[in-house]
Amino acid sequence: MDKRVLFDFEIEFTNGGGIQGQEFRLDIDGDDISDEELARYIVEDMRLLMVDKVRILNKKIINEKHKRRPADEK
């Protein structure tokens, strides 16, 4: 079974404002992902700019089939 991470997040921007996500799911390789890697992935994947702080909350690894196709598969 594939691994996914289930988590909440809060992102603050340097120019004010922010966004939140609850029970967000993300495909991962392996059995774990650090909060720092997860924060970097969210910011890059969502193409966010002017990010100040990212908080990862309630993170847990779950067994669930991956939803995205690998980047090298089209």
N, C-alpha and C. Protein backbone atom coordinates (compact mmCIF):
# COMPACT_ATOMS: atom_id res chain seq x y z
N MET A 1 0.85 -1.19 0.00
CA MET A 1 0.00 0.00 0.00
C MET A 1 0.89 1.24 0.00
N ASP A 2 0.47 2.26 -0.71
CA ASP A 2 1.21 3.51 -0.77
C ASP A 2 1.05 4.31 0.53
N LYS A 3 1.97 5.21 0.75
CA LYS A 3 1.94 6.07 1.94
C LYS A 3 1.50 7.48 1.55
N ARG A 4 0.70 8.08 2.42
CA ARG A 4 0.29 9.47 2.27
C ARG A 4 0.42 10.13 3.63
N VAL A 5 0.55 11.43 3.64
CA VAL A 5 0.57 12.17 4.89
C VAL A 5 -0.71 12.98 4.98
N LEU A 6 -1.34 12.93 6.13
CA LEU A 6 -2.57 13.65 6.43
C LEU A 6 -2.21 14.72 7.47
N PHE A 7 -2.54 15.98 7.20
CA PHE A 7 -2.10 17.05 8.09
C PHE A 7 -2.92 18.31 7.91
N ASP A 8 -2.77 19.21 8.87
CA ASP A 8 -3.32 20.55 8.79
C ASP A 8 -2.13 21.49 8.59
N PHE A 9 -2.36 22.66 8.00
CA PHE A 9 -1.27 23.63 7.88
C PHE A 9 -1.79 25.05 7.97
N GLU A 10 -0.89 25.95 8.37
CA GLU A 10 -1.16 27.38 8.41
C GLU A 10 0.03 28.07 7.75
N ILE A 11 -0.24 28.98 6.84
CA ILE A 11 0.82 29.72 6.15
C ILE A 11 0.56 31.20 6.34
N GLU A 12 1.60 31.92 6.80
CA GLU A 12 1.54 33.38 6.93
C GLU A 12 2.40 33.99 5.84
N PHE A 13 1.96 35.12 5.30
CA PHE A 13 2.70 35.81 4.26
C PHE A 13 3.36 37.07 4.80
N THR A 14 4.48 37.45 4.22
CA THR A 14 5.22 38.63 4.67
C THR A 14 4.47 39.93 4.40
N ASN A 15 3.56 39.92 3.44
CA ASN A 15 2.79 41.12 3.12
C ASN A 15 1.41 41.12 3.77
N GLY A 16 1.22 40.24 4.77
CA GLY A 16 -0.05 40.14 5.48
C GLY A 16 -0.89 38.99 4.97
N GLY A 17 -1.85 38.59 5.76
CA GLY A 17 -2.76 37.51 5.36
C GLY A 17 -2.15 36.14 5.53
N GLY A 18 -2.94 35.15 5.18
CA GLY A 18 -2.49 33.78 5.30
C GLY A 18 -3.53 32.82 4.75
N ILE A 19 -3.17 31.55 4.71
CA ILE A 19 -4.09 30.50 4.29
C ILE A 19 -3.95 29.32 5.24
N GLN A 20 -4.98 28.51 5.29
CA GLN A 20 -4.99 27.31 6.12
C GLN A 20 -5.53 26.14 5.32
N GLY A 21 -5.12 24.97 5.71
CA GLY A 21 -5.66 23.74 5.14
C GLY A 21 -5.92 22.75 6.25
N GLN A 22 -7.04 22.07 6.19
CA GLN A 22 -7.38 21.06 7.19
C GLN A 22 -7.54 19.71 6.53
N GLU A 23 -6.99 18.70 7.19
CA GLU A 23 -7.05 17.31 6.71
C GLU A 23 -6.57 17.20 5.27
N PHE A 24 -5.51 17.93 4.96
CA PHE A 24 -4.88 17.92 3.64
C PHE A 24 -4.15 16.59 3.49
N ARG A 25 -4.20 15.99 2.32
CA ARG A 25 -3.52 14.72 2.07
C ARG A 25 -2.51 14.90 0.95
N LEU A 26 -1.37 14.25 1.10
CA LEU A 26 -0.31 14.37 0.12
C LEU A 26 0.40 13.04 -0.03
N ASP A 27 0.63 12.62 -1.27
CA ASP A 27 1.39 11.41 -1.53
C ASP A 27 2.83 11.62 -1.11
N ILE A 28 3.45 10.59 -0.50
CA ILE A 28 4.86 10.67 -0.14
C ILE A 28 5.56 9.39 -0.55
N ASP A 29 6.87 9.51 -0.73
CA ASP A 29 7.72 8.34 -0.95
C ASP A 29 8.30 7.97 0.41
N GLY A 30 8.28 6.71 0.74
CA GLY A 30 8.84 6.29 2.02
C GLY A 30 7.81 6.31 3.13
N ASP A 31 8.32 6.19 4.36
CA ASP A 31 7.45 6.04 5.52
C ASP A 31 7.27 7.31 6.34
N ASP A 32 7.96 8.40 5.99
CA ASP A 32 7.87 9.63 6.78
C ASP A 32 8.32 10.81 5.94
N ILE A 33 7.99 12.00 6.40
CA ILE A 33 8.44 13.24 5.78
C ILE A 33 8.55 14.26 6.90
N SER A 34 9.62 15.02 6.91
CA SER A 34 9.81 16.02 7.97
C SER A 34 8.86 17.19 7.75
N ASP A 35 8.60 17.93 8.82
CA ASP A 35 7.75 19.12 8.70
C ASP A 35 8.37 20.13 7.74
N GLU A 36 9.70 20.25 7.77
CA GLU A 36 10.40 21.19 6.89
C GLU A 36 10.23 20.80 5.42
N GLU A 37 10.38 19.51 5.12
CA GLU A 37 10.19 19.04 3.74
C GLU A 37 8.75 19.25 3.29
N LEU A 38 7.83 18.97 4.18
CA LEU A 38 6.40 19.10 3.87
C LEU A 38 6.05 20.57 3.61
N ALA A 39 6.56 21.46 4.43
CA ALA A 39 6.31 22.89 4.24
C ALA A 39 6.88 23.36 2.90
N ARG A 40 8.10 22.94 2.59
CA ARG A 40 8.73 23.32 1.33
C ARG A 40 7.92 22.80 0.14
N TYR A 41 7.44 21.57 0.24
CA TYR A 41 6.66 20.97 -0.84
C TYR A 41 5.36 21.76 -1.08
N ILE A 42 4.66 22.11 0.00
CA ILE A 42 3.40 22.85 -0.14
C ILE A 42 3.65 24.19 -0.84
N VAL A 43 4.65 24.92 -0.37
CA VAL A 43 4.95 26.25 -0.91
C VAL A 43 5.32 26.15 -2.40
N GLU A 44 6.17 25.18 -2.74
CA GLU A 44 6.59 25.03 -4.14
C GLU A 44 5.45 24.53 -5.02
N ASP A 45 4.70 23.54 -4.55
CA ASP A 45 3.63 22.95 -5.36
C ASP A 45 2.49 23.94 -5.60
N MET A 46 2.21 24.78 -4.61
CA MET A 46 1.14 25.78 -4.76
C MET A 46 1.67 27.09 -5.35
N ARG A 47 2.98 27.13 -5.61
CA ARG A 47 3.64 28.30 -6.20
C ARG A 47 3.36 29.58 -5.40
N LEU A 48 3.51 29.46 -4.10
CA LEU A 48 3.26 30.59 -3.22
C LEU A 48 4.48 31.49 -3.14
N LEU A 49 4.24 32.78 -3.08
CA LEU A 49 5.30 33.78 -2.96
C LEU A 49 5.16 34.52 -1.64
N MET A 50 6.23 35.14 -1.20
CA MET A 50 6.24 35.98 -0.01
C MET A 50 5.78 35.23 1.24
N VAL A 51 6.17 33.97 1.36
CA VAL A 51 5.81 33.16 2.52
C VAL A 51 6.73 33.51 3.68
N ASP A 52 6.12 33.75 4.83
CA ASP A 52 6.88 34.07 6.04
C ASP A 52 7.05 32.81 6.90
N LYS A 53 5.93 32.25 7.36
CA LYS A 53 5.97 31.09 8.25
C LYS A 53 5.00 30.02 7.76
N VAL A 54 5.41 28.76 7.93
CA VAL A 54 4.54 27.62 7.64
C VAL A 54 4.51 26.75 8.89
N ARG A 55 3.32 26.45 9.37
CA ARG A 55 3.17 25.56 10.51
C ARG A 55 2.45 24.30 10.04
N ILE A 56 3.02 23.16 10.39
CA ILE A 56 2.43 21.86 10.10
C ILE A 56 1.85 21.33 11.41
N LEU A 57 0.59 20.93 11.38
CA LEU A 57 -0.11 20.50 12.59
C LEU A 57 -0.77 19.14 12.36
N ASN A 58 -0.90 18.36 13.41
CA ASN A 58 -1.67 17.10 13.39
C ASN A 58 -1.23 16.16 12.27
N LYS A 59 0.07 16.06 12.04
CA LYS A 59 0.58 15.22 10.94
C LYS A 59 0.54 13.75 11.32
N LYS A 60 0.04 12.93 10.40
CA LYS A 60 0.14 11.48 10.58
C LYS A 60 0.26 10.81 9.21
N ILE A 61 1.00 9.73 9.20
CA ILE A 61 1.22 8.95 7.98
C ILE A 61 0.13 7.89 7.90
N ILE A 62 -0.47 7.77 6.73
CA ILE A 62 -1.54 6.79 6.53
C ILE A 62 -1.23 5.91 5.33
N ASN A 63 -1.82 4.73 5.33
CA ASN A 63 -1.72 3.83 4.18
C ASN A 63 -2.91 4.10 3.28
N GLU A 64 -2.63 4.58 2.08
CA GLU A 64 -3.69 4.91 1.14
C GLU A 64 -3.06 5.01 -0.25
N LYS A 65 -3.78 4.57 -1.25
CA LYS A 65 -3.28 4.60 -2.61
C LYS A 65 -2.95 6.03 -3.04
N HIS A 66 -1.82 6.19 -3.72
CA HIS A 66 -1.43 7.50 -4.24
C HIS A 66 -2.46 7.99 -5.25
N LYS A 67 -2.69 9.29 -5.27
CA LYS A 67 -3.69 9.89 -6.16
C LYS A 67 -3.05 10.49 -7.42
N ARG A 68 -1.83 11.01 -7.30
CA ARG A 68 -1.15 11.62 -8.45
C ARG A 68 -0.32 10.58 -9.18
N ARG A 69 -0.21 10.78 -10.48
CA ARG A 69 0.71 9.98 -11.25
C ARG A 69 2.12 10.50 -11.02
N PRO A 70 3.12 9.63 -11.02
CA PRO A 70 4.49 10.12 -10.91
C PRO A 70 4.80 11.09 -12.05
N ALA A 71 5.69 12.05 -11.80
CA ALA A 71 6.02 13.09 -12.78
C ALA A 71 6.56 12.52 -14.09
N ASP A 72 7.24 11.37 -14.03
CA ASP A 72 7.81 10.78 -15.25
C ASP A 72 6.82 9.91 -16.01
N GLU A 73 5.59 9.78 -15.51
CA GLU A 73 4.57 8.96 -16.16
C GLU A 73 3.52 9.86 -16.77
N LYS A 74 3.27 9.74 -18.06
CA LYS A 74 2.25 10.57 -18.72
C LYS A 74 1.32 9.77 -19.55
